[in-house]
C-alpha atoms as a PDB file:
ATOM      1  CA  MET A   1     -63.663  45.665 -73.148  1.00  0.00           C
ATOM      2  CA  SER A   2     -60.922  43.406 -74.408  1.00  0.00           C
ATOM      3  CA  LEU A   3     -61.861  40.484 -76.597  1.00  0.00           C
ATOM      4  CA  THR A   4     -61.579  37.544 -74.247  1.00  0.00           C
ATOM      5  CA  VAL A   5     -63.521  34.309 -74.410  1.00  0.00           C
ATOM      6  CA  ALA A   6     -65.501  35.423 -71.354  1.00  0.00           C
ATOM      7  CA  ALA A   7     -66.349  38.790 -72.923  1.00  0.00           C
ATOM      8  CA  LEU A   8     -67.237  37.240 -76.279  1.00  0.00           C
ATOM      9  CA  VAL A   9     -69.473  34.548 -74.804  1.00  0.00           C
ATOM     10  CA  LYS A  10     -71.198  36.750 -72.241  1.00  0.00           C
ATOM     11  CA  THR A  11     -71.771  39.678 -74.608  1.00  0.00           C
ATOM     12  CA  THR A  12     -73.066  37.439 -77.397  1.00  0.00           C
ATOM     13  CA  VAL A  13     -75.381  35.491 -75.120  1.00  0.00           C
ATOM     14  CA  ARG A  14     -76.671  38.589 -73.300  1.00  0.00           C
ATOM     15  CA  ARG A  15     -77.490  40.498 -76.507  1.00  0.00           C
ATOM     16  CA  ASN A  16     -79.183  37.551 -78.172  1.00  0.00           C
ATOM     17  CA  LEU A  17     -81.199  36.301 -75.209  1.00  0.00           C
ATOM     18  CA  GLN A  18     -82.434  39.838 -74.560  1.00  0.00           C
ATOM     19  CA  MET A  19     -83.304  40.137 -78.249  1.00  0.00           C
ATOM     20  CA  LEU A  20     -85.218  36.818 -78.128  1.00  0.00           C
ATOM     21  CA  ASP A  21     -87.146  38.097 -75.120  1.00  0.00           C
ATOM     22  CA  GLN A  22     -88.106  41.208 -77.109  1.00  0.00           C
ATOM     23  CA  LEU A  23     -89.084  39.106 -80.134  1.00  0.00           C
ATOM     24  CA  LEU A  24     -91.387  37.042 -77.949  1.00  0.00           C
ATOM     25  CA  ASP A  25     -93.007  40.264 -76.724  1.00  0.00           C
ATOM     26  CA  LYS A  26     -93.524  41.374 -80.319  1.00  0.00           C
ATOM     27  CA  GLY A  27     -95.022  37.986 -81.164  1.00  0.00           C
ATOM     28  CA  ALA A  28     -97.426  38.278 -78.229  1.00  0.00           C
ATOM     29  CA  ALA A  29     -98.441  41.801 -79.250  1.00  0.00           C
ATOM     30  CA  PHE A  30     -99.040  40.592 -82.807  1.00  0.00           C
ATOM     31  CA  ALA A  31    -101.220  37.707 -81.611  1.00  0.00           C
ATOM     32  CA  THR A  32    -103.234  40.079 -79.420  1.00  0.00           C
ATOM     33  CA  ALA A  33    -103.685  42.582 -82.260  1.00  0.00           C
ATOM     34  CA  LYS A  34    -104.782  39.842 -84.654  1.00  0.00           C
ATOM     35  CA  ASN A  35    -106.956  38.194 -81.982  1.00  0.00           C
ATOM     36  CA  PHE A  36    -105.408  34.724 -81.869  1.00  0.00           C
ATOM     37  CA  ASP A  37    -103.712  32.640 -79.192  1.00  0.00           C
ATOM     38  CA  VAL A  38     -99.955  33.259 -79.034  1.00  0.00           C
ATOM     39  CA  GLY A  39     -99.619  29.483 -78.635  1.00  0.00           C
ATOM     40  CA  VAL A  40    -100.150  29.263 -82.382  1.00  0.00           C
ATOM     41  CA  LEU A  41     -96.839  31.087 -82.858  1.00  0.00           C
ATOM     42  CA  LEU A  42     -95.096  28.955 -80.233  1.00  0.00           C
ATOM     43  CA  GLY A  43     -96.043  25.828 -82.168  1.00  0.00           C
ATOM     44  CA  SER A  44     -95.118  27.252 -85.573  1.00  0.00           C
ATOM     45  CA  ARG A  45     -92.189  26.010 -87.599  1.00  0.00           C
ATOM     46  CA  LEU A  46     -90.583  26.897 -90.928  1.00  0.00           C
ATOM     47  CA  ALA A  47     -90.730  23.409 -92.397  1.00  0.00           C
ATOM     48  CA  PRO A  48     -92.376  20.137 -91.362  1.00  0.00           C
ATOM     49  CA  ASP A  49     -89.037  18.604 -90.356  1.00  0.00           C
ATOM     50  CA  MET A  50     -87.858  21.585 -88.279  1.00  0.00           C
ATOM     51  CA  PHE A  51     -88.503  22.185 -84.602  1.00  0.00           C
ATOM     52  CA  PRO A  52     -91.222  24.675 -83.620  1.00  0.00           C
ATOM     53  CA  LEU A  53     -90.504  28.045 -82.036  1.00  0.00           C
ATOM     54  CA  THR A  54     -90.727  26.700 -78.465  1.00  0.00           C
ATOM     55  CA  ARG A  55     -88.049  24.100 -79.128  1.00  0.00           C
ATOM     56  CA  GLN A  56     -85.864  26.666 -80.915  1.00  0.00           C
ATOM     57  CA  ILE A  57     -85.924  28.826 -77.747  1.00  0.00           C
ATOM     58  CA  GLN A  58     -85.037  25.790 -75.622  1.00  0.00           C
ATOM     59  CA  LEU A  59     -82.151  24.899 -77.938  1.00  0.00           C
ATOM     60  CA  ALA A  60     -80.833  28.477 -78.004  1.00  0.00           C
ATOM     61  CA  SER A  61     -80.897  28.357 -74.201  1.00  0.00           C
ATOM     62  CA  ASP A  62     -79.110  24.997 -74.189  1.00  0.00           C
ATOM     63  CA  MET A  63     -76.418  26.270 -76.562  1.00  0.00           C
ATOM     64  CA  ALA A  64     -75.899  29.422 -74.471  1.00  0.00           C
ATOM     65  CA  LYS A  65     -75.479  27.610 -71.175  1.00  0.00           C
ATOM     66  CA  GLY A  66     -73.567  24.754 -72.809  1.00  0.00           C
ATOM     67  CA  MET A  67     -70.956  26.959 -74.433  1.00  0.00           C
ATOM     68  CA  THR A  68     -70.591  28.985 -71.264  1.00  0.00           C
ATOM     69  CA  ALA A  69     -70.140  25.973 -69.009  1.00  0.00           C
ATOM     70  CA  ARG A  70     -67.869  23.974 -71.291  1.00  0.00           C
ATOM     71  CA  LEU A  71     -65.553  26.892 -72.007  1.00  0.00           C
ATOM     72  CA  ALA A  72     -65.415  27.672 -68.284  1.00  0.00           C
ATOM     73  CA  GLY A  73     -64.533  24.044 -67.481  1.00  0.00           C
ATOM     74  CA  GLN A  74     -67.908  23.334 -65.898  1.00  0.00           C
ATOM     75  CA  VAL A  75     -70.785  20.951 -66.503  1.00  0.00           C
ATOM     76  CA  PRO A  76     -73.737  22.675 -68.184  1.00  0.00           C
ATOM     77  CA  PRO A  77     -76.776  23.053 -65.952  1.00  0.00           C
ATOM     78  CA  SER A  78     -79.727  20.935 -67.012  1.00  0.00           C
ATOM     79  CA  PHE A  79     -83.087  22.604 -67.626  1.00  0.00           C
ATOM     80  CA  GLU A  80     -86.095  20.419 -68.280  1.00  0.00           C
ATOM     81  CA  ASP A  81     -87.743  21.182 -71.614  1.00  0.00           C
ATOM     82  CA  VAL A  82     -91.233  21.668 -70.190  1.00  0.00           C
ATOM     83  CA  GLU A  83     -92.088  25.186 -71.320  1.00  0.00           C
ATOM     84  CA  THR A  84     -95.477  25.513 -73.011  1.00  0.00           C
ATOM     85  CA  THR A  85     -96.316  29.195 -72.531  1.00  0.00           C
ATOM     86  CA  LEU A  86     -94.779  32.488 -73.504  1.00  0.00           C
ATOM     87  CA  ALA A  87     -94.184  33.348 -69.845  1.00  0.00           C
ATOM     88  CA  GLU A  88     -92.347  30.057 -69.281  1.00  0.00           C
ATOM     89  CA  LEU A  89     -90.132  30.632 -72.320  1.00  0.00           C
ATOM     90  CA  LYS A  90     -89.292  34.155 -71.146  1.00  0.00           C
ATOM     91  CA  GLU A  91     -88.462  32.772 -67.694  1.00  0.00           C
ATOM     92  CA  ARG A  92     -86.157  30.188 -69.281  1.00  0.00           C
ATOM     93  CA  LEU A  93     -84.331  32.940 -71.163  1.00  0.00           C
ATOM     94  CA  ALA A  94     -83.943  34.872 -67.901  1.00  0.00           C
ATOM     95  CA  ARG A  95     -82.642  31.775 -66.042  1.00  0.00           C
ATOM     96  CA  THR A  96     -80.188  31.080 -68.842  1.00  0.00           C
ATOM     97  CA  LEU A  97     -78.878  34.636 -68.796  1.00  0.00           C
ATOM     98  CA  ALA A  98     -78.612  34.580 -64.994  1.00  0.00           C
ATOM     99  CA  TYR A  99     -76.510  31.418 -65.202  1.00  0.00           C
ATOM    100  CA  VAL A 100     -74.219  32.843 -67.900  1.00  0.00           C
ATOM    101  CA  GLU A 101     -73.737  36.067 -65.953  1.00  0.00           C
ATOM    102  CA  SER A 102     -72.979  34.102 -62.760  1.00  0.00           C
ATOM    103  CA  VAL A 103     -69.911  32.382 -64.206  1.00  0.00           C
ATOM    104  CA  ASP A 104     -66.745  34.137 -63.068  1.00  0.00           C
ATOM    105  CA  ASP A 105     -64.724  35.521 -65.962  1.00  0.00           C
ATOM    106  CA  ALA A 106     -61.596  33.919 -64.502  1.00  0.00           C
ATOM    107  CA  ALA A 107     -63.134  30.482 -65.127  1.00  0.00           C
ATOM    108  CA  PHE A 108     -62.650  31.123 -68.857  1.00  0.00           C
ATOM    109  CA  ASP A 109     -58.866  31.500 -68.496  1.00  0.00           C
ATOM    110  CA  GLY A 110     -57.239  29.043 -70.887  1.00  0.00           C
ATOM    111  CA  ALA A 111     -60.557  28.313 -72.610  1.00  0.00           C
ATOM    112  CA  GLU A 112     -59.016  28.630 -76.080  1.00  0.00           C
ATOM    113  CA  GLN A 113     -56.962  25.472 -75.484  1.00  0.00           C
ATOM    114  CA  ARG A 114     -59.292  23.683 -73.052  1.00  0.00           C
ATOM    115  CA  GLU A 115     -60.525  20.321 -74.303  1.00  0.00           C
ATOM    116  CA  VAL A 116     -64.274  20.454 -74.821  1.00  0.00           C
ATOM    117  CA  ARG A 117     -66.373  17.312 -75.090  1.00  0.00           C
ATOM    118  CA  VAL A 118     -69.908  17.440 -76.439  1.00  0.00           C
ATOM    119  CA  PRO A 119     -72.056  14.313 -76.238  1.00  0.00           C
ATOM    120  CA  THR A 120     -74.368  13.745 -79.196  1.00  0.00           C
ATOM    121  CA  ARG A 121     -76.712  10.901 -80.088  1.00  0.00           C
ATOM    122  CA  ALA A 122     -74.203   9.494 -82.586  1.00  0.00           C
ATOM    123  CA  GLN A 123     -70.867  10.141 -80.857  1.00  0.00           C
ATOM    124  CA  GLU A 124     -68.948  12.358 -78.507  1.00  0.00           C
ATOM    125  CA  LEU A 125     -67.422  15.373 -80.260  1.00  0.00           C
ATOM    126  CA  VAL A 126     -64.051  16.585 -79.002  1.00  0.00           C
ATOM    127  CA  PHE A 127     -62.707  20.078 -79.703  1.00  0.00           C
ATOM    128  CA  ALA A 128     -60.062  22.514 -78.605  1.00  0.00           C
ATOM    129  CA  GLY A 129     -61.905  25.402 -76.939  1.00  0.00           C
ATOM    130  CA  GLN A 130     -61.362  27.953 -79.698  1.00  0.00           C
ATOM    131  CA  ASP A 131     -62.488  25.519 -82.400  1.00  0.00           C
ATOM    132  CA  TYR A 132     -65.542  24.623 -80.319  1.00  0.00           C
ATOM    133  CA  LEU A 133     -66.496  28.267 -79.816  1.00  0.00           C
ATOM    134  CA  VAL A 134     -65.929  29.485 -83.364  1.00  0.00           C
ATOM    135  CA  GLY A 135     -66.830  26.391 -85.373  1.00  0.00           C
ATOM    136  CA  PHE A 136     -69.571  24.725 -83.323  1.00  0.00           C
ATOM    137  CA  ALA A 137     -71.071  26.608 -80.366  1.00  0.00           C
ATOM    138  CA  LEU A 138     -71.605  30.059 -81.869  1.00  0.00           C
ATOM    139  CA  PRO A 139     -72.917  28.776 -85.233  1.00  0.00           C
ATOM    140  CA  ASN A 140     -75.381  26.468 -83.440  1.00  0.00           C
ATOM    141  CA  PHE A 141     -76.474  29.233 -81.073  1.00  0.00           C
ATOM    142  CA  TYR A 142     -77.064  31.647 -83.954  1.00  0.00           C
ATOM    143  CA  PHE A 143     -78.893  28.959 -85.943  1.00  0.00           C
ATOM    144  CA  HIS A 144     -81.555  28.581 -83.237  1.00  0.00           C
ATOM    145  CA  VAL A 145     -81.744  32.313 -82.517  1.00  0.00           C
ATOM    146  CA  THR A 146     -82.218  32.993 -86.225  1.00  0.00           C
ATOM    147  CA  ALA A 147     -84.861  30.258 -86.493  1.00  0.00           C
ATOM    148  CA  VAL A 148     -86.952  32.033 -83.823  1.00  0.00           C
ATOM    149  CA  TYR A 149     -86.729  35.322 -85.731  1.00  0.00           C
ATOM    150  CA  LEU A 150     -87.624  33.632 -89.013  1.00  0.00           C
ATOM    151  CA  ILE A 151     -90.583  31.697 -87.592  1.00  0.00           C
ATOM    152  CA  LEU A 152     -92.074  34.889 -86.190  1.00  0.00           C
ATOM    153  CA  ARG A 153     -91.355  36.865 -89.367  1.00  0.00           C
ATOM    154  CA  HIS A 154     -92.793  34.087 -91.540  1.00  0.00           C
ATOM    155  CA  ASN A 155     -95.999  34.214 -89.495  1.00  0.00           C
ATOM    156  CA  GLY A 156     -96.448  37.934 -90.093  1.00  0.00           C
ATOM    157  CA  VAL A 157     -94.888  39.514 -87.015  1.00  0.00           C
ATOM    158  CA  ASP A 158     -93.553  42.900 -88.111  1.00  0.00           C
ATOM    159  CA  LEU A 159     -89.829  42.383 -87.594  1.00  0.00           C
ATOM    160  CA  GLY A 160     -86.808  43.774 -89.343  1.00  0.00           C
ATOM    161  CA  LYS A 161     -83.057  43.599 -89.184  1.00  0.00           C
ATOM    162  CA  ARG A 162     -82.927  46.042 -86.260  1.00  0.00           C
ATOM    163  CA  ASP A 163     -85.115  43.690 -84.250  1.00  0.00           C
ATOM    164  CA  PHE A 164     -82.657  40.868 -84.897  1.00  0.00           C
ATOM    165  CA  LEU A 165     -79.600  42.939 -84.080  1.00  0.00           C
ATOM    166  CA  GLY A 166     -81.154  44.122 -80.820  1.00  0.00           C
ATOM    167  CA  ALA A 167     -80.513  47.312 -78.895  1.00  0.00           C
ATOM    168  CA  ARG A 168     -77.104  48.901 -79.295  1.00  0.00           C
END
């Protein structure tokens, strides 16, 4: 595999969404073993002003499909943020991965220089593709992925570094 934008985005997203799916399974197993509703974990957060686990999954999904679409010169697909169960979150991860995998690698040609526009509440951010990927999209994606891991770990789910790194 050569290091192209397509390969970098698709490999990173695939590994991390699959890892999140496995973390959710471990969270569910923990809740079952401890005899409590897994919904408690889905509503957990690290700090009062941070989003709960459910929202962190939704945001990781949004970052994955957003970086894929923008770097491929497409409009990101919109998913409603309506997930309330573990099964719905896992389905969202699967839909996100299916979208990312469906984008033709050729669509990423020239992505390093492609102008990328990201609307925010305050203003529209404008980047060159490489700056967007390295300085905005990947850090944001990893932030939300890491938050999921940390919320579960903080709540007692037996996780370690190998769980975060995923299968090799």
